[in-house]
Amino acid sequence: MVENSTVLRVHVFAGREEVAEVESAFTETGVRGSRLMAHGSVPLAEVLFAASASVTALAHLITVLRRQFKRGVTVDATEPGAVIVKADGSVPRGMVVIRQQSGDVEVRDAEGVAQAFLGAVAGTVSGSGEQRAQPTEPPTPGGTGA
């Protein structure tokens, strides 16, 4: 079980138009992150931010990004100790798709996003018990002008 005080590595990918929203979310949540130069496998249409924060701070960050982004959010929490958050044009605004360590996928709106994320990084079912496993991959940005 992952403790709420456990520190995780997070990468936030956002479109160029969402840079201010990411910086604002970092400030609001107290997560200190750095914008990194795009190179290697990072698409030039996306901006990468890197940070380390506690599980509860990351849950709050995801909640704030869900509210601020003009499109949906995908959260990949399958890798132990690391989380990838992306603005995703194929996910409706206000929705969050969370891929858990178990491989299950959960889709949330404002209700229960933080609790679902905490469950995802702990590899357990979310606090409400609502879990919607999907046999397909979660939406990924591609050709959406990310």
C-alpha atoms as a PDB file:
ATOM      1  CA  MET A   1       0.000   0.000   0.000  1.00  0.00           C
ATOM      2  CA  VAL A   2       1.323   3.433  -0.904  1.00  0.00           C
ATOM      3  CA  GLU A   3       1.305   5.911   1.972  1.00  0.00           C
ATOM      4  CA  ASN A   4      -0.041   9.411   1.329  1.00  0.00           C
ATOM      5  CA  SER A   5       3.359  10.814   2.321  1.00  0.00           C
ATOM      6  CA  THR A   6       5.182   8.682  -0.287  1.00  0.00           C
ATOM      7  CA  VAL A   7       6.875  10.877  -2.891  1.00  0.00           C
ATOM      8  CA  LEU A   8       6.219  10.058  -6.534  1.00  0.00           C
ATOM      9  CA  ARG A   9       7.843  11.352  -9.709  1.00  0.00           C
ATOM     10  CA  VAL A  10       5.364  13.082 -12.023  1.00  0.00           C
ATOM     11  CA  HIS A  11       5.597  14.174 -15.650  1.00  0.00           C
ATOM     12  CA  VAL A  12       2.896  16.518 -16.916  1.00  0.00           C
ATOM     13  CA  PHE A  13       2.485  16.816 -20.688  1.00  0.00           C
ATOM     14  CA  ALA A  14       0.379  19.718 -21.910  1.00  0.00           C
ATOM     15  CA  GLY A  15      -0.204  21.616 -25.107  1.00  0.00           C
ATOM     16  CA  ARG A  16       1.517  24.949 -25.515  1.00  0.00           C
ATOM     17  CA  GLU A  17      -1.764  26.747 -24.806  1.00  0.00           C
ATOM     18  CA  GLU A  18      -1.979  25.036 -21.388  1.00  0.00           C
ATOM     19  CA  VAL A  19       1.436  25.996 -20.014  1.00  0.00           C
ATOM     20  CA  ALA A  20      -0.023  28.791 -17.876  1.00  0.00           C
ATOM     21  CA  GLU A  21      -2.649  26.398 -16.486  1.00  0.00           C
ATOM     22  CA  VAL A  22       0.013  23.874 -15.461  1.00  0.00           C
ATOM     23  CA  GLU A  23       2.168  26.550 -13.837  1.00  0.00           C
ATOM     24  CA  SER A  24      -0.902  27.919 -12.022  1.00  0.00           C
ATOM     25  CA  ALA A  25      -1.875  24.424 -10.831  1.00  0.00           C
ATOM     26  CA  PHE A  26       1.643  23.827  -9.505  1.00  0.00           C
ATOM     27  CA  THR A  27       1.479  27.103  -7.587  1.00  0.00           C
ATOM     28  CA  GLU A  28      -2.023  26.427  -6.232  1.00  0.00           C
ATOM     29  CA  THR A  29      -1.130  22.937  -5.008  1.00  0.00           C
ATOM     30  CA  GLY A  30       2.355  23.740  -3.740  1.00  0.00           C
ATOM     31  CA  VAL A  31       3.944  21.190  -6.090  1.00  0.00           C
ATOM     32  CA  ARG A  32       7.305  22.452  -7.307  1.00  0.00           C
ATOM     33  CA  GLY A  33       7.885  21.498 -10.897  1.00  0.00           C
ATOM     34  CA  SER A  34      10.170  22.459 -13.729  1.00  0.00           C
ATOM     35  CA  ARG A  35       9.405  22.965 -17.383  1.00  0.00           C
ATOM     36  CA  LEU A  36      11.807  20.871 -19.443  1.00  0.00           C
ATOM     37  CA  MET A  37      13.088  21.406 -22.958  1.00  0.00           C
ATOM     38  CA  ALA A  38      11.342  19.245 -25.550  1.00  0.00           C
ATOM     39  CA  HIS A  39      13.717  16.717 -27.077  1.00  0.00           C
ATOM     40  CA  GLY A  40      13.941  13.010 -27.677  1.00  0.00           C
ATOM     41  CA  SER A  41      10.554  11.298 -27.646  1.00  0.00           C
ATOM     42  CA  VAL A  42       8.591  14.340 -26.446  1.00  0.00           C
ATOM     43  CA  PRO A  43       6.383  15.569 -29.321  1.00  0.00           C
ATOM     44  CA  LEU A  44       7.120  19.172 -30.217  1.00  0.00           C
ATOM     45  CA  ALA A  45       3.415  19.964 -29.822  1.00  0.00           C
ATOM     46  CA  GLU A  46       3.638  19.160 -26.106  1.00  0.00           C
ATOM     47  CA  VAL A  47       5.408  20.822 -23.203  1.00  0.00           C
ATOM     48  CA  LEU A  48       6.838  18.616 -20.456  1.00  0.00           C
ATOM     49  CA  PHE A  49       6.911  19.478 -16.768  1.00  0.00           C
ATOM     50  CA  ALA A  50       8.667  17.294 -14.197  1.00  0.00           C
ATOM     51  CA  ALA A  51       8.120  17.284 -10.449  1.00  0.00           C
ATOM     52  CA  SER A  52       8.200  15.120  -7.353  1.00  0.00           C
ATOM     53  CA  ALA A  53       5.425  15.341  -4.796  1.00  0.00           C
ATOM     54  CA  SER A  54       3.510  13.359  -2.211  1.00  0.00           C
ATOM     55  CA  VAL A  55       0.600  11.191  -3.297  1.00  0.00           C
ATOM     56  CA  THR A  56      -1.928  13.577  -1.750  1.00  0.00           C
ATOM     57  CA  ALA A  57      -0.320  16.614  -3.411  1.00  0.00           C
ATOM     58  CA  LEU A  58      -0.433  14.836  -6.789  1.00  0.00           C
ATOM     59  CA  ALA A  59      -4.087  13.912  -6.245  1.00  0.00           C
ATOM     60  CA  HIS A  60      -4.804  17.596  -5.600  1.00  0.00           C
ATOM     61  CA  LEU A  61      -2.747  18.620  -8.662  1.00  0.00           C
ATOM     62  CA  ILE A  62      -4.758  16.271 -10.895  1.00  0.00           C
ATOM     63  CA  THR A  63      -8.006  17.691  -9.493  1.00  0.00           C
ATOM     64  CA  VAL A  64      -6.855  21.248 -10.249  1.00  0.00           C
ATOM     65  CA  LEU A  65      -5.663  20.334 -13.762  1.00  0.00           C
ATOM     66  CA  ARG A  66      -9.023  18.664 -14.448  1.00  0.00           C
ATOM     67  CA  ARG A  67     -10.723  21.922 -13.586  1.00  0.00           C
ATOM     68  CA  GLN A  68      -8.328  24.180 -15.525  1.00  0.00           C
ATOM     69  CA  PHE A  69      -7.669  22.287 -18.753  1.00  0.00           C
ATOM     70  CA  LYS A  70      -9.912  22.978 -21.730  1.00  0.00           C
ATOM     71  CA  ARG A  71      -9.815  19.253 -22.521  1.00  0.00           C
ATOM     72  CA  GLY A  72      -9.748  16.041 -20.546  1.00  0.00           C
ATOM     73  CA  VAL A  73      -6.875  14.520 -18.585  1.00  0.00           C
ATOM     74  CA  THR A  74      -5.269  11.081 -18.731  1.00  0.00           C
ATOM     75  CA  VAL A  75      -3.289   9.767 -15.770  1.00  0.00           C
ATOM     76  CA  ASP A  76      -0.962   6.790 -16.173  1.00  0.00           C
ATOM     77  CA  ALA A  77      -0.141   5.400 -12.724  1.00  0.00           C
ATOM     78  CA  THR A  78       0.986   1.967 -13.943  1.00  0.00           C
ATOM     79  CA  GLU A  79       4.673   2.508 -13.232  1.00  0.00           C
ATOM     80  CA  PRO A  80       5.533   2.183  -9.520  1.00  0.00           C
ATOM     81  CA  GLY A  81       6.868   5.483  -8.187  1.00  0.00           C
ATOM     82  CA  ALA A  82       5.978   7.484 -11.293  1.00  0.00           C
ATOM     83  CA  VAL A  83       2.877   9.154 -12.733  1.00  0.00           C
ATOM     84  CA  ILE A  84       2.325  10.605 -16.211  1.00  0.00           C
ATOM     85  CA  VAL A  85      -0.408  13.229 -16.574  1.00  0.00           C
ATOM     86  CA  LYS A  86      -1.499  14.463 -20.009  1.00  0.00           C
ATOM     87  CA  ALA A  87      -3.946  16.984 -21.376  1.00  0.00           C
ATOM     88  CA  ASP A  88      -5.918  14.870 -23.845  1.00  0.00           C
ATOM     89  CA  GLY A  89      -8.167  16.224 -26.577  1.00  0.00           C
ATOM     90  CA  SER A  90      -9.846  12.835 -27.039  1.00  0.00           C
ATOM     91  CA  VAL A  91     -11.161  12.950 -23.452  1.00  0.00           C
ATOM     92  CA  PRO A  92     -14.086  15.330 -22.821  1.00  0.00           C
ATOM     93  CA  ARG A  93     -13.321  18.446 -20.761  1.00  0.00           C
ATOM     94  CA  GLY A  94     -13.648  17.820 -17.034  1.00  0.00           C
ATOM     95  CA  MET A  95     -13.151  14.067 -17.330  1.00  0.00           C
ATOM     96  CA  VAL A  96     -10.139  12.129 -16.038  1.00  0.00           C
ATOM     97  CA  VAL A  97      -9.058   8.709 -17.324  1.00  0.00           C
ATOM     98  CA  ILE A  98      -6.885   6.934 -14.741  1.00  0.00           C
ATOM     99  CA  ARG A  99      -4.886   3.815 -15.588  1.00  0.00           C
ATOM    100  CA  GLN A 100      -4.125   1.944 -12.374  1.00  0.00           C
ATOM    101  CA  GLN A 101      -1.074  -0.159 -11.499  1.00  0.00           C
ATOM    102  CA  SER A 102      -3.280  -3.228 -11.938  1.00  0.00           C
ATOM    103  CA  GLY A 103      -3.957  -2.173 -15.544  1.00  0.00           C
ATOM    104  CA  ASP A 104      -7.595  -1.322 -14.845  1.00  0.00           C
ATOM    105  CA  VAL A 105      -8.910   1.941 -16.233  1.00  0.00           C
ATOM    106  CA  GLU A 106     -11.223   4.257 -14.325  1.00  0.00           C
ATOM    107  CA  VAL A 107     -13.064   7.230 -15.803  1.00  0.00           C
ATOM    108  CA  ARG A 108     -14.088  10.065 -13.481  1.00  0.00           C
ATOM    109  CA  ASP A 109     -15.571  13.508 -13.545  1.00  0.00           C
ATOM    110  CA  ALA A 110     -15.192  15.899 -10.597  1.00  0.00           C
ATOM    111  CA  GLU A 111     -16.649  13.326  -8.208  1.00  0.00           C
ATOM    112  CA  GLY A 112     -13.953  11.161  -6.679  1.00  0.00           C
ATOM    113  CA  VAL A 113     -10.953  12.053  -8.866  1.00  0.00           C
ATOM    114  CA  ALA A 114      -8.562  12.376  -5.914  1.00  0.00           C
ATOM    115  CA  GLN A 115      -9.822   9.174  -4.278  1.00  0.00           C
ATOM    116  CA  ALA A 116      -9.591   7.274  -7.587  1.00  0.00           C
ATOM    117  CA  PHE A 117      -6.001   8.470  -8.037  1.00  0.00           C
ATOM    118  CA  LEU A 118      -5.064   7.426  -4.501  1.00  0.00           C
ATOM    119  CA  GLY A 119      -6.538   4.010  -5.226  1.00  0.00           C
ATOM    120  CA  ALA A 120      -4.704   3.800  -8.546  1.00  0.00           C
ATOM    121  CA  VAL A 121      -1.259   4.383  -7.094  1.00  0.00           C
ATOM    122  CA  ALA A 122      -2.018   2.012  -4.238  1.00  0.00           C
ATOM    123  CA  GLY A 123      -3.163  -0.647  -6.709  1.00  0.00           C
ATOM    124  CA  THR A 124      -6.532  -0.897  -4.985  1.00  0.00           C
ATOM    125  CA  VAL A 125     -10.139  -0.130  -5.835  1.00  0.00           C
ATOM    126  CA  SER A 126     -11.126   3.491  -5.216  1.00  0.00           C
ATOM    127  CA  GLY A 127     -12.798   4.438  -1.938  1.00  0.00           C
ATOM    128  CA  SER A 128     -16.296   4.512  -3.446  1.00  0.00           C
ATOM    129  CA  GLY A 129     -15.830   1.004  -4.817  1.00  0.00           C
ATOM    130  CA  GLU A 130     -16.769   2.226  -8.290  1.00  0.00           C
ATOM    131  CA  GLN A 131     -14.351   0.837 -10.790  1.00  0.00           C
ATOM    132  CA  ARG A 132     -14.974   0.595 -14.486  1.00  0.00           C
ATOM    133  CA  ALA A 133     -12.415  -1.692 -16.062  1.00  0.00           C
ATOM    134  CA  GLN A 134     -12.104  -1.338 -19.811  1.00  0.00           C
ATOM    135  CA  PRO A 135     -10.464  -3.910 -22.060  1.00  0.00           C
ATOM    136  CA  THR A 136      -9.022  -1.245 -24.360  1.00  0.00           C
ATOM    137  CA  GLU A 137      -6.231   1.266 -24.021  1.00  0.00           C
ATOM    138  CA  PRO A 138      -7.124   4.704 -22.605  1.00  0.00           C
ATOM    139  CA  PRO A 139      -7.270   7.554 -25.115  1.00  0.00           C
ATOM    140  CA  THR A 140      -3.862   8.938 -26.034  1.00  0.00           C
ATOM    141  CA  PRO A 141      -3.081  12.283 -27.597  1.00  0.00           C
ATOM    142  CA  GLY A 142      -2.288  11.943 -31.244  1.00  0.00           C
ATOM    143  CA  GLY A 143      -3.267  14.177 -34.047  1.00  0.00           C
ATOM    144  CA  THR A 144      -5.477  16.231 -31.722  1.00  0.00           C
ATOM    145  CA  GLY A 145      -3.289  19.295 -31.699  1.00  0.00           C
ATOM    146  CA  ALA A 146      -1.980  18.468 -28.243  1.00  0.00           C
END
